[in-house]
Protein backbone atom coordinates (compact mmCIF):
# COMPACT_ATOMS: atom_id res chain seq x y z
CA UNK A 1 98.26 76.24 129.75
CA UNK A 2 101.23 74.92 127.94
CA UNK A 3 103.32 76.87 125.51
CA UNK A 4 105.82 75.43 123.13
CA UNK A 5 108.45 77.52 121.45
CA UNK A 6 109.81 75.79 118.41
CA UNK A 7 112.44 77.11 116.17
CA UNK A 8 112.27 80.76 116.60
CA UNK A 9 115.42 82.71 116.89
CA UNK A 10 115.18 85.89 118.73
CA UNK A 11 117.75 88.46 119.58
CA UNK A 12 117.49 91.72 121.40
CA UNK A 13 113.79 92.09 121.97
CA UNK A 14 111.81 92.27 125.11
CA UNK A 15 108.12 91.81 124.96
CA UNK A 16 105.73 91.93 127.84
CA UNK A 17 102.20 90.93 127.29
CA UNK A 18 99.41 90.42 129.70
CA UNK A 19 96.84 89.46 127.19
CA UNK A 20 97.07 88.54 123.60
CA UNK A 21 98.17 91.06 121.10
CA UNK A 22 99.02 91.06 117.47
CA UNK A 23 101.48 93.33 115.82
CA UNK A 24 102.16 93.62 112.15
CA UNK A 25 105.00 95.41 110.54
CA UNK A 26 104.94 99.06 109.68
CA UNK A 27 101.30 99.56 110.35
CA UNK A 28 99.39 101.37 112.99
CA UNK A 29 95.87 100.25 113.43
CA UNK A 30 93.26 101.36 115.82
CA UNK A 31 90.26 99.16 115.95
CA UNK A 32 87.25 99.37 118.16
CA UNK A 33 85.56 96.36 116.73
CA UNK A 34 87.27 93.36 115.33
CA UNK A 35 89.76 94.06 112.63
CA UNK A 36 92.24 92.03 110.70
CA UNK A 37 95.61 93.19 109.55
CA UNK A 38 97.89 91.34 107.22
CA UNK A 39 101.61 91.11 106.98
CA UNK A 40 103.55 89.80 109.90
CA UNK A 41 100.60 88.04 111.33
CA UNK A 42 100.19 86.79 114.80
CA UNK A 43 97.39 84.86 116.15
CA UNK A 44 96.49 84.80 119.76
CA UNK A 45 94.82 81.93 121.42
CA UNK A 46 93.56 81.64 124.94
CA UNK A 47 94.54 78.02 125.22
CA UNK A 48 97.89 76.47 124.84
CA UNK A 49 100.42 78.28 122.79
CA UNK A 50 102.98 76.74 120.59
CA UNK A 51 106.00 78.46 119.20
CA UNK A 52 107.01 76.73 116.03
CA UNK A 53 110.36 77.00 114.44
CA UNK A 54 112.04 79.39 116.66
CA UNK A 55 115.55 79.20 117.76
CA UNK A 56 116.46 81.74 120.23
CA UNK A 57 119.82 83.18 120.83
CA UNK A 58 120.04 84.86 124.14
CA UNK A 59 116.33 85.19 124.66
CA UNK A 60 114.27 84.94 127.73
CA UNK A 61 110.60 84.91 127.72
CA UNK A 62 108.43 85.81 130.64
CA UNK A 63 104.81 85.31 130.27
CA UNK A 64 101.99 86.24 132.48
CA UNK A 65 99.55 85.69 129.72
CA UNK A 66 100.38 84.88 126.21
CA UNK A 67 101.36 87.58 123.86
CA UNK A 68 103.37 88.02 120.73
CA UNK A 69 105.22 91.09 119.81
CA UNK A 70 106.66 92.00 116.50
CA UNK A 71 109.74 94.01 115.92
CA UNK A 72 109.71 97.75 116.34
CA UNK A 73 106.11 97.89 117.30
CA UNK A 74 104.27 99.13 120.30
CA UNK A 75 100.77 98.01 120.73
CA UNK A 76 98.37 98.56 123.53
CA UNK A 77 95.01 97.11 123.15
CA UNK A 78 92.00 96.71 125.30
CA UNK A 79 90.58 93.92 123.25
CA UNK A 80 92.35 90.88 122.00
CA UNK A 81 94.93 91.19 119.34
CA UNK A 82 97.51 89.07 117.62
CA UNK A 83 101.06 89.96 116.80
CA UNK A 84 103.30 88.27 114.30
CA UNK A 85 106.92 88.40 113.43
CA UNK A 86 109.40 88.83 116.12
CA UNK A 87 107.18 87.06 118.46
CA UNK A 88 107.83 86.36 122.01
CA UNK A 89 105.54 84.20 123.87
CA UNK A 90 105.23 83.94 127.58
CA UNK A 91 102.99 81.51 129.24
CA UNK A 92 101.88 81.22 132.81
CA UNK A 93 101.43 77.50 132.55
CA UNK A 94 104.00 75.10 131.42
CA UNK A 95 106.05 76.23 128.52
CA UNK A 96 108.02 74.01 126.29
CA UNK A 97 110.53 76.07 124.56
CA UNK A 98 114.11 75.85 124.01
CA UNK A 99 115.22 76.33 127.51
CA UNK A 100 112.54 77.80 129.70
CA UNK A 101 112.78 78.77 133.26
CA UNK A 102 109.70 79.36 135.22
CA UNK A 103 109.18 81.40 138.31
CA UNK A 104 106.03 80.60 140.18
CA UNK A 105 103.17 80.26 137.89
CA UNK A 106 104.76 82.01 135.10
CA UNK A 107 107.13 80.16 132.90
CA UNK A 108 109.73 81.93 130.92
CA UNK A 109 110.72 80.57 127.59
CA UNK A 110 114.25 80.88 126.49
CA UNK A 111 113.51 80.72 122.88
CA UNK A 112 111.74 83.78 122.59
CA UNK A 113 113.49 86.33 123.99
CA UNK A 114 115.06 87.56 126.71
CA UNK A 115 117.28 89.93 125.64
CA UNK A 116 115.82 93.18 125.11
CA UNK A 117 118.39 95.10 123.26
CA UNK A 118 116.01 97.07 121.26
CA UNK A 119 113.50 98.81 123.35
CA UNK A 120 111.54 98.00 126.40
CA UNK A 121 108.28 99.63 127.07
CA UNK A 122 105.94 99.54 129.89
CA UNK A 123 102.40 100.61 129.63
CA UNK A 124 99.88 100.80 132.39
CA UNK A 125 96.79 101.96 130.62
CA UNK A 126 96.17 101.33 127.05
CA UNK A 127 98.47 103.35 124.95
CA UNK A 128 100.51 102.77 121.90
CA UNK A 129 104.10 103.61 121.31
CA UNK A 130 105.91 103.20 118.06
CA UNK A 131 109.45 102.31 117.23
CA UNK A 132 110.75 99.31 118.98
CA UNK A 133 107.28 98.46 119.92
CA UNK A 134 105.79 97.73 123.19
CA UNK A 135 102.73 95.72 123.25
CA UNK A 136 100.59 94.84 126.20
CA UNK A 137 97.92 92.27 125.99
CA UNK A 138 95.77 90.63 128.59
CA UNK A 139 94.65 87.65 126.63
CA UNK A 140 96.41 84.84 124.93
CA UNK A 141 98.32 85.45 121.80
CA UNK A 142 99.68 83.28 119.08
CA UNK A 143 102.38 84.41 116.74
CA UNK A 144 102.41 82.50 113.53
CA UNK A 145 105.38 82.32 111.29
CA UNK A 146 107.69 84.53 113.12
CA UNK A 147 111.18 83.97 114.21
CA UNK A 148 112.29 86.33 116.78
CA UNK A 149 115.61 87.90 116.90
CA UNK A 150 116.07 89.09 120.39
CA UNK A 151 112.51 89.09 121.58
CA UNK A 152 111.13 88.71 125.01
CA UNK A 153 107.53 88.29 125.60
CA UNK A 154 105.59 88.32 128.78
CA UNK A 155 102.13 86.88 128.71
CA UNK A 156 99.64 85.70 131.26
CA UNK A 157 98.16 82.96 129.18
CA UNK A 158 99.62 80.63 126.68
CA UNK A 159 101.18 81.99 123.60
CA UNK A 160 102.32 80.47 120.39
CA UNK A 161 105.20 81.91 118.48
CA UNK A 162 105.42 80.45 115.04
CA UNK A 163 108.18 81.37 112.74
CA UNK A 164 108.43 84.96 113.48
CA UNK A 165 111.64 86.79 113.71
CA UNK A 166 111.82 90.05 115.44
CA UNK A 167 114.59 92.32 116.46
CA UNK A 168 114.69 95.04 119.04
CA UNK A 169 111.14 95.01 120.26
CA UNK A 170 109.65 95.22 123.67
CA UNK A 171 105.99 94.66 123.99
CA UNK A 172 103.71 95.04 126.91
CA UNK A 173 100.04 94.45 126.47
CA UNK A 174 97.16 94.61 128.87
CA UNK A 175 94.36 93.71 126.55
CA UNK A 176 94.66 92.23 123.18
CA UNK A 177 95.94 94.44 120.50
CA UNK A 178 97.64 94.33 117.17
CA UNK A 179 100.74 96.25 116.52
CA UNK A 180 102.68 96.34 113.38
CA UNK A 181 106.34 96.92 113.07
CA UNK A 182 107.17 100.48 113.83
CA UNK A 183 103.54 100.83 114.55
CA UNK A 184 101.41 101.58 117.49
CA UNK A 185 98.06 100.02 117.42
CA UNK A 186 95.31 100.31 119.91
CA UNK A 187 92.38 98.02 119.59
CA UNK A 188 89.42 97.68 121.87
CA UNK A 189 87.89 94.65 120.29
CA UNK A 190 89.61 91.60 119.00
CA UNK A 191 91.79 92.09 116.02
CA UNK A 192 93.48 89.48 113.94
CA UNK A 193 96.62 90.07 111.99
CA UNK A 194 97.66 87.80 109.21
CA UNK A 195 100.67 87.11 107.09
CA UNK A 196 103.96 87.83 107.86
CA UNK A 197 107.20 87.41 109.23
CA UNK A 198 109.12 90.43 109.91
CA UNK A 199 112.70 91.24 110.55
CA UNK A 200 113.75 94.53 111.93
């Protein structure tokens, strides 16, 4: 679907997400059922994703699905999760961001992220790594209120990055998961994170 990146500035973060994932700051959460985490919230949606208020400086966003990653967080979740703050959104459909280039069915947004200065992480199964987080999510993700500083996000669906700023984060997510900043979170079910914009 379509993704719009508005006004988020990201620098030095690479985020890869296959589904939707949510990462909060400085929190590690493991949820089997649905859980909600506050602070640096991201919301994931399966439909179109809109990134609001993000201006990106040197950011490329690759999305297979939609995912948001926060700064310094690694999150691997089997279920759906939302990540806020330092959000990168990648959408497979059309993406309207500040400068997006799309390759095949995936469209890369320029606003959120392409420069992964911080950390890049790759996860195949579900696993969580902390510190310059990697978050993988299979579903859609929406990051609310985050402006990313150097964030790249790769998502299969649409993703919405709203006002989240993140720095030095790479996130790869296969399912949906929530990760907080400097946090690894693994969630099997859907988890929702609220509140927050985080800067690393």
